[in-house]
N, C-alpha and C. Protein backbone atom coordinates (compact mmCIF):
# COMPACT_ATOMS: atom_id res chain seq x y z
N MET A 1 5.54 12.92 -0.04
CA MET A 1 4.33 12.55 -0.75
C MET A 1 3.31 11.96 0.21
N ASP A 2 2.05 12.19 -0.08
CA ASP A 2 1.02 11.59 0.76
C ASP A 2 0.87 10.12 0.42
N HIS A 3 -0.03 9.42 1.10
CA HIS A 3 -0.15 7.99 0.86
C HIS A 3 -1.15 7.62 -0.24
N ARG A 4 -1.73 8.63 -0.88
CA ARG A 4 -2.53 8.38 -2.07
C ARG A 4 -1.53 8.11 -3.20
N TRP A 5 -1.84 7.15 -4.05
CA TRP A 5 -0.91 6.84 -5.13
C TRP A 5 -1.05 7.89 -6.23
N PRO A 6 -0.03 8.73 -6.44
CA PRO A 6 -0.11 9.78 -7.45
C PRO A 6 0.11 9.24 -8.86
N THR A 7 -0.33 10.00 -9.85
CA THR A 7 -0.10 9.65 -11.25
C THR A 7 1.35 9.99 -11.61
N ILE A 8 1.80 9.48 -12.74
CA ILE A 8 3.13 9.82 -13.25
C ILE A 8 3.24 11.33 -13.42
N ARG A 9 2.21 11.94 -13.95
CA ARG A 9 2.23 13.39 -14.15
C ARG A 9 2.44 14.12 -12.83
N GLU A 10 1.72 13.71 -11.79
CA GLU A 10 1.86 14.36 -10.49
C GLU A 10 3.27 14.17 -9.91
N VAL A 11 3.81 12.96 -10.04
CA VAL A 11 5.17 12.71 -9.56
C VAL A 11 6.16 13.59 -10.33
N SER A 12 5.98 13.67 -11.63
CA SER A 12 6.85 14.48 -12.46
C SER A 12 6.79 15.96 -12.06
N GLU A 13 5.60 16.46 -11.85
CA GLU A 13 5.44 17.87 -11.48
C GLU A 13 6.05 18.17 -10.11
N ARG A 14 5.93 17.24 -9.18
CA ARG A 14 6.44 17.45 -7.82
C ARG A 14 7.95 17.31 -7.72
N THR A 15 8.52 16.43 -8.56
CA THR A 15 9.93 16.09 -8.38
C THR A 15 10.85 16.56 -9.51
N GLY A 16 10.28 16.86 -10.66
CA GLY A 16 11.10 17.27 -11.81
C GLY A 16 11.56 16.11 -12.67
N TYR A 17 11.23 14.87 -12.27
CA TYR A 17 11.58 13.72 -13.11
C TYR A 17 10.76 13.76 -14.39
N ASN A 18 11.39 13.45 -15.50
CA ASN A 18 10.71 13.38 -16.78
C ASN A 18 9.70 12.23 -16.77
N ARG A 19 8.51 12.45 -17.32
CA ARG A 19 7.48 11.41 -17.30
C ARG A 19 7.91 10.14 -18.02
N GLU A 20 8.62 10.26 -19.14
CA GLU A 20 9.06 9.06 -19.86
C GLU A 20 10.09 8.30 -19.03
N HIS A 21 10.95 8.99 -18.32
CA HIS A 21 11.93 8.34 -17.43
C HIS A 21 11.19 7.52 -16.37
N LEU A 22 10.15 8.11 -15.79
CA LEU A 22 9.36 7.38 -14.78
C LEU A 22 8.72 6.13 -15.39
N ARG A 23 8.19 6.25 -16.60
CA ARG A 23 7.60 5.08 -17.28
C ARG A 23 8.64 3.99 -17.50
N ARG A 24 9.86 4.39 -17.89
CA ARG A 24 10.93 3.39 -18.08
C ARG A 24 11.26 2.69 -16.78
N LEU A 25 11.32 3.43 -15.68
CA LEU A 25 11.59 2.83 -14.38
C LEU A 25 10.50 1.83 -14.00
N ILE A 26 9.27 2.15 -14.31
CA ILE A 26 8.14 1.25 -14.02
C ILE A 26 8.25 0.00 -14.88
N ARG A 27 8.49 0.17 -16.17
CA ARG A 27 8.59 -1.00 -17.07
C ARG A 27 9.76 -1.90 -16.69
N ALA A 28 10.84 -1.30 -16.17
CA ALA A 28 12.02 -2.08 -15.76
C ALA A 28 11.81 -2.77 -14.41
N GLY A 29 10.73 -2.40 -13.71
CA GLY A 29 10.48 -2.99 -12.40
C GLY A 29 11.18 -2.26 -11.27
N THR A 30 11.79 -1.13 -11.57
CA THR A 30 12.49 -0.35 -10.56
C THR A 30 11.51 0.39 -9.66
N LEU A 31 10.43 0.86 -10.25
CA LEU A 31 9.37 1.53 -9.50
C LEU A 31 8.11 0.68 -9.52
N LYS A 32 7.43 0.64 -8.39
CA LYS A 32 6.17 -0.09 -8.30
C LYS A 32 5.04 0.86 -8.66
N ALA A 33 4.19 0.41 -9.58
CA ALA A 33 3.05 1.22 -9.99
C ALA A 33 1.94 0.28 -10.47
N GLU A 34 0.73 0.79 -10.44
CA GLU A 34 -0.43 0.05 -10.94
C GLU A 34 -1.04 0.84 -12.08
N MET A 35 -1.44 0.14 -13.14
CA MET A 35 -2.11 0.82 -14.22
C MET A 35 -3.61 0.78 -13.95
N VAL A 36 -4.22 1.93 -13.93
CA VAL A 36 -5.65 2.06 -13.74
C VAL A 36 -6.18 2.74 -15.00
N GLY A 37 -6.89 1.97 -15.80
CA GLY A 37 -7.28 2.50 -17.10
C GLY A 37 -6.03 2.68 -17.95
N ARG A 38 -5.77 3.90 -18.36
CA ARG A 38 -4.58 4.19 -19.15
C ARG A 38 -3.55 4.99 -18.36
N VAL A 39 -3.72 5.06 -17.04
CA VAL A 39 -2.87 5.89 -16.19
C VAL A 39 -2.14 5.02 -15.17
N TYR A 40 -0.83 5.26 -15.05
CA TYR A 40 -0.07 4.60 -13.99
C TYR A 40 -0.23 5.38 -12.69
N LEU A 41 -0.44 4.66 -11.59
CA LEU A 41 -0.42 5.24 -10.26
C LEU A 41 0.82 4.70 -9.56
N VAL A 42 1.64 5.59 -9.05
CA VAL A 42 2.94 5.25 -8.49
C VAL A 42 2.83 5.04 -6.98
N ASP A 43 3.41 3.94 -6.48
CA ASP A 43 3.44 3.66 -5.05
C ASP A 43 4.33 4.72 -4.39
N PRO A 44 3.77 5.57 -3.53
CA PRO A 44 4.58 6.67 -2.97
C PRO A 44 5.71 6.19 -2.06
N ASP A 45 5.50 5.11 -1.32
CA ASP A 45 6.56 4.59 -0.45
C ASP A 45 7.71 4.03 -1.27
N ASN A 46 7.38 3.32 -2.34
CA ASN A 46 8.39 2.76 -3.22
C ASN A 46 9.17 3.88 -3.92
N PHE A 47 8.47 4.94 -4.33
CA PHE A 47 9.15 6.05 -4.98
C PHE A 47 10.08 6.76 -4.01
N ALA A 48 9.65 6.94 -2.76
CA ALA A 48 10.51 7.57 -1.75
C ALA A 48 11.78 6.73 -1.53
N ALA A 49 11.62 5.41 -1.51
CA ALA A 49 12.79 4.53 -1.35
C ALA A 49 13.71 4.66 -2.56
N TYR A 50 13.14 4.76 -3.77
CA TYR A 50 13.94 4.95 -4.98
C TYR A 50 14.74 6.26 -4.88
N GLN A 51 14.10 7.33 -4.43
CA GLN A 51 14.80 8.61 -4.30
C GLN A 51 15.95 8.51 -3.30
N GLU A 52 15.76 7.77 -2.23
CA GLU A 52 16.84 7.58 -1.25
C GLU A 52 18.01 6.82 -1.87
N ARG A 53 17.70 5.77 -2.65
CA ARG A 53 18.78 5.00 -3.32
C ARG A 53 19.55 5.89 -4.28
N VAL A 54 18.84 6.71 -5.03
CA VAL A 54 19.49 7.60 -5.99
C VAL A 54 20.34 8.63 -5.26
N ALA A 55 19.87 9.13 -4.14
CA ALA A 55 20.64 10.12 -3.38
C ALA A 55 21.94 9.50 -2.85
N LYS A 56 21.88 8.22 -2.45
CA LYS A 56 23.08 7.54 -1.95
C LYS A 56 24.08 7.26 -3.06
N HIS A 57 23.57 6.91 -4.24
CA HIS A 57 24.41 6.50 -5.38
C HIS A 57 23.95 7.24 -6.64
N PRO A 58 24.20 8.54 -6.72
CA PRO A 58 23.66 9.32 -7.84
C PRO A 58 24.18 8.92 -9.22
N HIS A 59 25.29 8.23 -9.28
CA HIS A 59 25.85 7.84 -10.59
C HIS A 59 25.86 6.33 -10.76
N GLY A 60 24.88 5.65 -10.17
CA GLY A 60 24.84 4.20 -10.28
C GLY A 60 25.40 3.59 -9.01
N GLY A 61 26.59 3.06 -9.10
CA GLY A 61 27.24 2.49 -7.92
C GLY A 61 26.53 1.26 -7.39
N PRO A 62 27.04 0.68 -6.32
CA PRO A 62 26.45 -0.53 -5.76
C PRO A 62 25.04 -0.26 -5.24
N GLN A 63 24.11 -1.10 -5.59
CA GLN A 63 22.71 -0.91 -5.21
C GLN A 63 22.23 -1.86 -4.12
N ASN A 64 22.98 -2.92 -3.87
CA ASN A 64 22.49 -3.94 -2.92
C ASN A 64 23.15 -3.77 -1.55
N GLU A 65 22.76 -2.70 -0.87
CA GLU A 65 23.26 -2.45 0.49
C GLU A 65 22.16 -2.75 1.47
């Protein structure tokens, strides 16, 4: 991802993640995002780190490594 903060829709289209799943991750504090108007913009570096964590532990597992 580039360093422009993409919308949830853009992240969903690029990665296949469901938009509601992304919203839940944001509300839970798992993903960093900013609301601009009525649209969330996702921090691309934070999302990349989230994808790395998921790749390491696809079924949950220990998260504090």
